[in-house]
Amino acid sequence: MFEIYREADYGRRYRVVYFTELNEHNKEQEISRAMAGEHFYDGFIAERHKEQAKRVIAEAVRRLNAGERFDAAQLEAGLAEIERE
């Protein structure tokens, strides 16, 4: 499971957190940061498509932080295409 959110602090950058990859040292901090931020998109990644999906998600976050017009439907379409492969 993952979530893309926009930071609540001064920077207002978009970030992604992969909840299944958190450990005891960073779990509470990362979840708190995500909960304080503005939700953009969340979902699940199939293990067999994990690396491809992470690339699609990273590109979405990059585009959002660059100020490009990019919405959740575009991300969903990119992830759905991976699932069809």
PDB file of N, CA and C in Angstrom:
ATOM      1  N   MET A   1       0.841  -1.181   0.000  1.00  0.00           N
ATOM      2  CA  MET A   1       0.000   0.000   0.000  1.00  0.00           C
ATOM      3  C   MET A   1       0.889   1.247   0.000  1.00  0.00           C
ATOM      4  N   PHE A   2       0.438   2.255  -0.720  1.00  0.00           N
ATOM      5  CA  PHE A   2       1.194   3.495  -0.800  1.00  0.00           C
ATOM      6  C   PHE A   2       0.236   4.678  -0.778  1.00  0.00           C
ATOM      7  N   GLU A   3       0.794   5.846  -0.514  1.00  0.00           N
ATOM      8  CA  GLU A   3       0.023   7.085  -0.593  1.00  0.00           C
ATOM      9  C   GLU A   3       0.920   8.181  -1.144  1.00  0.00           C
ATOM     10  N   ILE A   4       0.352   8.960  -2.040  1.00  0.00           N
ATOM     11  CA  ILE A   4       0.997  10.182  -2.510  1.00  0.00           C
ATOM     12  C   ILE A   4       0.272  11.325  -1.816  1.00  0.00           C
ATOM     13  N   TYR A   5       1.035  12.204  -1.220  1.00  0.00           N
ATOM     14  CA  TYR A   5       0.443  13.323  -0.497  1.00  0.00           C
ATOM     15  C   TYR A   5       1.287  14.570  -0.710  1.00  0.00           C
ATOM     16  N   ARG A   6       0.698  15.693  -0.390  1.00  0.00           N
ATOM     17  CA  ARG A   6       1.412  16.966  -0.458  1.00  0.00           C
ATOM     18  C   ARG A   6       1.731  17.393   0.965  1.00  0.00           C
ATOM     19  N   GLU A   7       2.988  17.713   1.196  1.00  0.00           N
ATOM     20  CA  GLU A   7       3.432  18.084   2.538  1.00  0.00           C
ATOM     21  C   GLU A   7       2.642  19.275   3.069  1.00  0.00           C
ATOM     22  N   ALA A   8       2.427  19.281   4.369  1.00  0.00           N
ATOM     23  CA  ALA A   8       1.690  20.365   5.015  1.00  0.00           C
ATOM     24  C   ALA A   8       2.592  21.538   5.376  1.00  0.00           C
ATOM     25  N   ASP A   9       3.892  21.333   5.354  1.00  0.00           N
ATOM     26  CA  ASP A   9       4.805  22.396   5.785  1.00  0.00           C
ATOM     27  C   ASP A   9       5.080  23.403   4.666  1.00  0.00           C
ATOM     28  N   TYR A  10       6.053  24.237   4.879  1.00  0.00           N
ATOM     29  CA  TYR A  10       6.391  25.334   3.986  1.00  0.00           C
ATOM     30  C   TYR A  10       6.653  24.889   2.546  1.00  0.00           C
ATOM     31  N   GLY A  11       7.348  23.785   2.362  1.00  0.00           N
ATOM     32  CA  GLY A  11       7.747  23.344   1.034  1.00  0.00           C
ATOM     33  C   GLY A  11       6.604  22.894   0.148  1.00  0.00           C
ATOM     34  N   ARG A  12       5.563  22.302   0.744  1.00  0.00           N
ATOM     35  CA  ARG A  12       4.380  21.817   0.024  1.00  0.00           C
ATOM     36  C   ARG A  12       4.730  20.889  -1.134  1.00  0.00           C
ATOM     37  N   ARG A  13       5.790  20.105  -0.981  1.00  0.00           N
ATOM     38  CA  ARG A  13       6.206  19.163  -2.018  1.00  0.00           C
ATOM     39  C   ARG A  13       5.343  17.914  -1.949  1.00  0.00           C
ATOM     40  N   TYR A  14       5.223  17.250  -3.082  1.00  0.00           N
ATOM     41  CA  TYR A  14       4.535  15.967  -3.125  1.00  0.00           C
ATOM     42  C   TYR A  14       5.530  14.884  -2.738  1.00  0.00           C
ATOM     43  N   ARG A  15       5.046  13.905  -1.998  1.00  0.00           N
ATOM     44  CA  ARG A  15       5.879  12.786  -1.551  1.00  0.00           C
ATOM     45  C   ARG A  15       5.068  11.503  -1.667  1.00  0.00           C
ATOM     46  N   VAL A  16       5.773  10.407  -1.716  1.00  0.00           N
ATOM     47  CA  VAL A  16       5.115   9.100  -1.684  1.00  0.00           C
ATOM     48  C   VAL A  16       5.658   8.332  -0.491  1.00  0.00           C
ATOM     49  N   VAL A  17       4.774   7.600   0.156  1.00  0.00           N
ATOM     50  CA  VAL A  17       5.189   6.720   1.245  1.00  0.00           C
ATOM     51  C   VAL A  17       4.642   5.329   0.931  1.00  0.00           C
ATOM     52  N   TYR A  18       5.528   4.343   1.013  1.00  0.00           N
ATOM     53  CA  TYR A  18       5.156   2.943   0.816  1.00  0.00           C
ATOM     54  C   TYR A  18       5.020   2.329   2.204  1.00  0.00           C
ATOM     55  N   PHE A  19       3.804   2.206   2.674  1.00  0.00           N
ATOM     56  CA  PHE A  19       3.558   1.760   4.041  1.00  0.00           C
ATOM     57  C   PHE A  19       4.123   0.374   4.320  1.00  0.00           C
ATOM     58  N   THR A  20       4.102  -0.494   3.336  1.00  0.00           N
ATOM     59  CA  THR A  20       4.589  -1.862   3.538  1.00  0.00           C
ATOM     60  C   THR A  20       6.103  -1.936   3.665  1.00  0.00           C
ATOM     61  N   GLU A  21       6.804  -0.854   3.335  1.00  0.00           N
ATOM     62  CA  GLU A  21       8.262  -0.854   3.419  1.00  0.00           C
ATOM     63  C   GLU A  21       8.793  -0.125   4.653  1.00  0.00           C
ATOM     64  N   LEU A  22       7.899   0.369   5.482  1.00  0.00           N
ATOM     65  CA  LEU A  22       8.332   1.074   6.687  1.00  0.00           C
ATOM     66  C   LEU A  22       8.796   0.084   7.741  1.00  0.00           C
ATOM     67  N   ASN A  23       9.727   0.527   8.572  1.00  0.00           N
ATOM     68  CA  ASN A  23      10.186  -0.315   9.678  1.00  0.00           C
ATOM     69  C   ASN A  23       9.890   0.395  10.996  1.00  0.00           C
ATOM     70  N   GLU A  24      10.237  -0.231  12.072  1.00  0.00           N
ATOM     71  CA  GLU A  24       9.938   0.324  13.394  1.00  0.00           C
ATOM     72  C   GLU A  24      10.604   1.674  13.641  1.00  0.00           C
ATOM     73  N   HIS A  25      11.721   1.935  12.979  1.00  0.00           N
ATOM     74  CA  HIS A  25      12.447   3.188  13.201  1.00  0.00           C
ATOM     75  C   HIS A  25      11.795   4.395  12.532  1.00  0.00           C
ATOM     76  N   ASN A  26      11.121   4.173  11.407  1.00  0.00           N
ATOM     77  CA  ASN A  26      10.566   5.317  10.683  1.00  0.00           C
ATOM     78  C   ASN A  26       9.051   5.270  10.512  1.00  0.00           C
ATOM     79  N   LYS A  27       8.418   4.219  10.974  1.00  0.00           N
ATOM     80  CA  LYS A  27       6.990   4.027  10.733  1.00  0.00           C
ATOM     81  C   LYS A  27       6.135   5.177  11.271  1.00  0.00           C
ATOM     82  N   GLU A  28       6.263   5.493  12.531  1.00  0.00           N
ATOM     83  CA  GLU A  28       5.417   6.528  13.126  1.00  0.00           C
ATOM     84  C   GLU A  28       5.636   7.891  12.493  1.00  0.00           C
ATOM     85  N   GLN A  29       6.893   8.248  12.256  1.00  0.00           N
ATOM     86  CA  GLN A  29       7.197   9.552  11.660  1.00  0.00           C
ATOM     87  C   GLN A  29       6.621   9.671  10.252  1.00  0.00           C
ATOM     88  N   GLU A  30       6.819   8.657   9.429  1.00  0.00           N
ATOM     89  CA  GLU A  30       6.334   8.715   8.049  1.00  0.00           C
ATOM     90  C   GLU A  30       4.813   8.722   7.983  1.00  0.00           C
ATOM     91  N   ILE A  31       4.166   7.929   8.814  1.00  0.00           N
ATOM     92  CA  ILE A  31       2.703   7.911   8.834  1.00  0.00           C
ATOM     93  C   ILE A  31       2.172   9.261   9.308  1.00  0.00           C
ATOM     94  N   SER A  32       2.792   9.836  10.306  1.00  0.00           N
ATOM     95  CA  SER A  32       2.372  11.154  10.803  1.00  0.00           C
ATOM     96  C   SER A  32       2.522  12.226   9.732  1.00  0.00           C
ATOM     97  N   ARG A  33       3.616  12.180   8.991  1.00  0.00           N
ATOM     98  CA  ARG A  33       3.824  13.155   7.916  1.00  0.00           C
ATOM     99  C   ARG A  33       2.753  13.021   6.844  1.00  0.00           C
ATOM    100  N   ALA A  34       2.450  11.784   6.482  1.00  0.00           N
ATOM    101  CA  ALA A  34       1.431  11.551   5.458  1.00  0.00           C
ATOM    102  C   ALA A  34       0.053  12.006   5.942  1.00  0.00           C
ATOM    103  N   MET A  35      -0.266  11.709   7.188  1.00  0.00           N
ATOM    104  CA  MET A  35      -1.572  12.083   7.735  1.00  0.00           C
ATOM    105  C   MET A  35      -1.724  13.604   7.850  1.00  0.00           C
ATOM    106  N   ALA A  36      -0.631  14.306   8.085  1.00  0.00           N
ATOM    107  CA  ALA A  36      -0.680  15.766   8.204  1.00  0.00           C
ATOM    108  C   ALA A  36      -0.778  16.438   6.838  1.00  0.00           C
ATOM    109  N   GLY A  37      -0.388  15.710   5.797  1.00  0.00           N
ATOM    110  CA  GLY A  37      -0.380  16.284   4.458  1.00  0.00           C
ATOM    111  C   GLY A  37      -1.736  16.226   3.777  1.00  0.00           C
ATOM    112  N   GLU A  38      -1.753  16.727   2.557  1.00  0.00           N
ATOM    113  CA  GLU A  38      -2.957  16.752   1.732  1.00  0.00           C
ATOM    114  C   GLU A  38      -2.946  15.519   0.828  1.00  0.00           C
ATOM    115  N   HIS A  39      -3.931  14.664   0.986  1.00  0.00           N
ATOM    116  CA  HIS A  39      -4.012  13.414   0.227  1.00  0.00           C
ATOM    117  C   HIS A  39      -4.131  13.700  -1.272  1.00  0.00           C
ATOM    118  N   PHE A  40      -3.384  12.939  -2.079  1.00  0.00           N
ATOM    119  CA  PHE A  40      -3.517  13.024  -3.533  1.00  0.00           C
ATOM    120  C   PHE A  40      -4.019  11.704  -4.109  1.00  0.00           C
ATOM    121  N   TYR A  41      -3.384  10.599  -3.717  1.00  0.00           N
ATOM    122  CA  TYR A  41      -3.756   9.291  -4.269  1.00  0.00           C
ATOM    123  C   TYR A  41      -3.212   8.205  -3.359  1.00  0.00           C
ATOM    124  N   ASP A  42      -3.949   7.097  -3.269  1.00  0.00           N
ATOM    125  CA  ASP A  42      -3.420   5.931  -2.559  1.00  0.00           C
ATOM    126  C   ASP A  42      -3.858   4.674  -3.288  1.00  0.00           C
ATOM    127  N   GLY A  43      -3.140   3.603  -3.034  1.00  0.00           N
ATOM    128  CA  GLY A  43      -3.476   2.351  -3.687  1.00  0.00           C
ATOM    129  C   GLY A  43      -2.574   1.219  -3.251  1.00  0.00           C
ATOM    130  N   PHE A  44      -2.777   0.095  -3.914  1.00  0.00           N
ATOM    131  CA  PHE A  44      -2.003  -1.111  -3.655  1.00  0.00           C
ATOM    132  C   PHE A  44      -1.203  -1.459  -4.900  1.00  0.00           C
ATOM    133  N   ILE A  45      -0.063  -2.069  -4.693  1.00  0.00           N
ATOM    134  CA  ILE A  45       0.795  -2.503  -5.794  1.00  0.00           C
ATOM    135  C   ILE A  45       0.951  -4.013  -5.700  1.00  0.00           C
ATOM    136  N   ALA A  46       0.687  -4.692  -6.819  1.00  0.00           N
ATOM    137  CA  ALA A  46       0.918  -6.133  -6.859  1.00  0.00           C
ATOM    138  C   ALA A  46       2.423  -6.388  -6.815  1.00  0.00           C
ATOM    139  N   GLU A  47       2.820  -7.369  -6.067  1.00  0.00           N
ATOM    140  CA  GLU A  47       4.249  -7.673  -5.893  1.00  0.00           C
ATOM    141  C   GLU A  47       4.943  -7.899  -7.236  1.00  0.00           C
ATOM    142  N   ARG A  48       4.286  -8.564  -8.157  1.00  0.00           N
ATOM    143  CA  ARG A  48       4.926  -8.880  -9.444  1.00  0.00           C
ATOM    144  C   ARG A  48       5.168  -7.647 -10.312  1.00  0.00           C
ATOM    145  N   HIS A  49       4.448  -6.547 -10.038  1.00  0.00           N
ATOM    146  CA  HIS A  49       4.618  -5.312 -10.808  1.00  0.00           C
ATOM    147  C   HIS A  49       5.218  -4.184  -9.977  1.00  0.00           C
ATOM    148  N   LYS A  50       5.762  -4.524  -8.836  1.00  0.00           N
ATOM    149  CA  LYS A  50       6.198  -3.520  -7.865  1.00  0.00           C
ATOM    150  C   LYS A  50       7.197  -2.514  -8.440  1.00  0.00           C
ATOM    151  N   GLU A  51       8.238  -2.983  -9.082  1.00  0.00           N
ATOM    152  CA  GLU A  51       9.273  -2.072  -9.587  1.00  0.00           C
ATOM    153  C   GLU A  51       8.747  -1.174 -10.699  1.00  0.00           C
ATOM    154  N   GLN A  52       7.948  -1.735 -11.601  1.00  0.00           N
ATOM    155  CA  GLN A  52       7.365  -0.922 -12.674  1.00  0.00           C
ATOM    156  C   GLN A  52       6.430   0.137 -12.093  1.00  0.00           C
ATOM    157  N   ALA A  53       5.608  -0.266 -11.145  1.00  0.00           N
ATOM    158  CA  ALA A  53       4.659   0.665 -10.524  1.00  0.00           C
ATOM    159  C   ALA A  53       5.398   1.778  -9.792  1.00  0.00           C
ATOM    160  N   LYS A  54       6.482   1.440  -9.120  1.00  0.00           N
ATOM    161  CA  LYS A  54       7.257   2.458  -8.411  1.00  0.00           C
ATOM    162  C   LYS A  54       7.837   3.482  -9.386  1.00  0.00           C
ATOM    163  N   ARG A  55       8.227   3.046 -10.560  1.00  0.00           N
ATOM    164  CA  ARG A  55       8.735   3.989 -11.563  1.00  0.00           C
ATOM    165  C   ARG A  55       7.625   4.936 -12.027  1.00  0.00           C
ATOM    166  N   VAL A  56       6.425   4.394 -12.250  1.00  0.00           N
ATOM    167  CA  VAL A  56       5.285   5.220 -12.660  1.00  0.00           C
ATOM    168  C   VAL A  56       4.947   6.229 -11.564  1.00  0.00           C
ATOM    169  N   ILE A  57       4.946   5.779 -10.318  1.00  0.00           N
ATOM    170  CA  ILE A  57       4.638   6.650  -9.182  1.00  0.00           C
ATOM    171  C   ILE A  57       5.705   7.729  -9.032  1.00  0.00           C
ATOM    172  N   ALA A  58       6.970   7.352  -9.144  1.00  0.00           N
ATOM    173  CA  ALA A  58       8.060   8.329  -9.027  1.00  0.00           C
ATOM    174  C   ALA A  58       7.952   9.395 -10.114  1.00  0.00           C
ATOM    175  N   GLU A  59       7.594   8.992 -11.314  1.00  0.00           N
ATOM    176  CA  GLU A  59       7.433   9.953 -12.406  1.00  0.00           C
ATOM    177  C   GLU A  59       6.257  10.891 -12.119  1.00  0.00           C
ATOM    178  N   ALA A  60       5.183  10.359 -11.572  1.00  0.00           N
ATOM    179  CA  ALA A  60       4.029  11.194 -11.216  1.00  0.00           C
ATOM    180  C   ALA A  60       4.423  12.232 -10.170  1.00  0.00           C
ATOM    181  N   VAL A  61       5.146  11.815  -9.146  1.00  0.00           N
ATOM    182  CA  VAL A  61       5.585  12.734  -8.092  1.00  0.00           C
ATOM    183  C   VAL A  61       6.520  13.796  -8.673  1.00  0.00           C
ATOM    184  N   ARG A  62       7.414  13.377  -9.564  1.00  0.00           N
ATOM    185  CA  ARG A  62       8.325  14.332 -10.203  1.00  0.00           C
ATOM    186  C   ARG A  62       7.532  15.391 -10.969  1.00  0.00           C
ATOM    187  N   ARG A  63       6.550  14.946 -11.745  1.00  0.00           N
ATOM    188  CA  ARG A  63       5.745  15.872 -12.541  1.00  0.00           C
ATOM    189  C   ARG A  63       4.936  16.826 -11.660  1.00  0.00           C
ATOM    190  N   LEU A  64       4.370  16.293 -10.594  1.00  0.00           N
ATOM    191  CA  LEU A  64       3.613  17.137  -9.664  1.00  0.00           C
ATOM    192  C   LEU A  64       4.508  18.207  -9.051  1.00  0.00           C
ATOM    193  N   ASN A  65       5.702  17.803  -8.631  1.00  0.00           N
ATOM    194  CA  ASN A  65       6.630  18.754  -8.011  1.00  0.00           C
ATOM    195  C   ASN A  65       7.188  19.761  -9.011  1.00  0.00           C
ATOM    196  N   ALA A  66       7.147  19.410 -10.287  1.00  0.00           N
ATOM    197  CA  ALA A  66       7.589  20.340 -11.331  1.00  0.00           C
ATOM    198  C   ALA A  66       6.478  21.325 -11.705  1.00  0.00           C
ATOM    199  N   GLY A  67       5.295  21.142 -11.115  1.00  0.00           N
ATOM    200  CA  GLY A  67       4.187  22.048 -11.378  1.00  0.00           C
ATOM    201  C   GLY A  67       3.357  21.696 -12.593  1.00  0.00           C
ATOM    202  N   GLU A  68       3.581  20.512 -13.153  1.00  0.00           N
ATOM    203  CA  GLU A  68       2.803  20.100 -14.318  1.00  0.00           C
ATOM    204  C   GLU A  68       1.368  19.784 -13.917  1.00  0.00           C
ATOM    205  N   ARG A  69       0.467  19.951 -14.867  1.00  0.00           N
ATOM    206  CA  ARG A  69      -0.918  19.547 -14.642  1.00  0.00           C
ATOM    207  C   ARG A  69      -0.954  18.022 -14.712  1.00  0.00           C
ATOM    208  N   PHE A  70      -1.305  17.424 -13.622  1.00  0.00           N
ATOM    209  CA  PHE A  70      -1.309  15.964 -13.544  1.00  0.00           C
ATOM    210  C   PHE A  70      -2.348  15.588 -12.505  1.00  0.00           C
ATOM    211  N   ASP A  71      -3.276  14.711 -12.872  1.00  0.00           N
ATOM    212  CA  ASP A  71      -4.308  14.354 -11.904  1.00  0.00           C
ATOM    213  C   ASP A  71      -4.285  12.864 -11.586  1.00  0.00           C
ATOM    214  N   ALA A  72      -5.071  12.503 -10.605  1.00  0.00           N
ATOM    215  CA  ALA A  72      -5.096  11.123 -10.123  1.00  0.00           C
ATOM    216  C   ALA A  72      -5.533  10.150 -11.214  1.00  0.00           C
ATOM    217  N   ALA A  73      -6.407  10.578 -12.107  1.00  0.00           N
ATOM    218  CA  ALA A  73      -6.867   9.701 -13.184  1.00  0.00           C
ATOM    219  C   ALA A  73      -5.716   9.309 -14.111  1.00  0.00           C
ATOM    220  N   GLN A  74      -4.796  10.227 -14.354  1.00  0.00           N
ATOM    221  CA  GLN A  74      -3.641   9.916 -15.192  1.00  0.00           C
ATOM    222  C   GLN A  74      -2.751   8.877 -14.518  1.00  0.00           C
ATOM    223  N   LEU A  75      -2.544   9.039 -13.225  1.00  0.00           N
ATOM    224  CA  LEU A  75      -1.741   8.070 -12.485  1.00  0.00           C
ATOM    225  C   LEU A  75      -2.427   6.715 -12.479  1.00  0.00           C
ATOM    226  N   GLU A  76      -3.714   6.712 -12.235  1.00  0.00           N
ATOM    227  CA  GLU A  76      -4.473   5.468 -12.211  1.00  0.00           C
ATOM    228  C   GLU A  76      -4.390   4.747 -13.554  1.00  0.00           C
ATOM    229  N   ALA A  77      -4.462   5.489 -14.643  1.00  0.00           N
ATOM    230  CA  ALA A  77      -4.356   4.895 -15.975  1.00  0.00           C
ATOM    231  C   ALA A  77      -2.979   4.274 -16.188  1.00  0.00           C
ATOM    232  N   GLY A  78      -1.937   4.950 -15.750  1.00  0.00           N
ATOM    233  CA  GLY A  78      -0.583   4.408 -15.880  1.00  0.00           C
ATOM    234  C   GLY A  78      -0.394   3.138 -15.078  1.00  0.00           C
ATOM    235  N   LEU A  79      -0.934   3.110 -13.877  1.00  0.00           N
ATOM    236  CA  LEU A  79      -0.827   1.908 -13.043  1.00  0.00           C
ATOM    237  C   LEU A  79      -1.682   0.772 -13.594  1.00  0.00           C
ATOM    238  N   ALA A  80      -2.852   1.094 -14.136  1.00  0.00           N
ATOM    239  CA  ALA A  80      -3.727   0.067 -14.710  1.00  0.00           C
ATOM    240  C   ALA A  80      -3.072  -0.589 -15.918  1.00  0.00           C
ATOM    241  N   GLU A  81      -2.335   0.195 -16.692  1.00  0.00           N
ATOM    242  CA  GLU A  81      -1.644  -0.353 -17.861  1.00  0.00           C
ATOM    243  C   GLU A  81      -0.612  -1.401 -17.440  1.00  0.00           C
ATOM    244  N   ILE A  82       0.070  -1.159 -16.349  1.00  0.00           N
ATOM    245  CA  ILE A  82       1.047  -2.126 -15.836  1.00  0.00           C
ATOM    246  C   ILE A  82       0.351  -3.417 -15.436  1.00  0.00           C
ATOM    247  N   GLU A  83      -0.800  -3.304 -14.803  1.00  0.00           N
ATOM    248  CA  GLU A  83      -1.543  -4.481 -14.345  1.00  0.00           C
ATOM    249  C   GLU A  83      -1.995  -5.347 -15.514  1.00  0.00           C
ATOM    250  N   ARG A  84      -2.232  -4.742 -16.673  1.00  0.00           N
ATOM    251  CA  ARG A  84      -2.679  -5.501 -17.847  1.00  0.00           C
ATOM    252  C   ARG A  84      -1.552  -6.294 -18.491  1.00  0.00           C
ATOM    253  N   GLU A  85      -0.315  -5.939 -18.186  1.00  0.00           N
ATOM    254  CA  GLU A  85       0.835  -6.615 -18.818  1.00  0.00           C
ATOM    255  C   GLU A  85       1.005  -8.012 -18.288  1.00  0.00           C
TER     256      GLU A  85
END
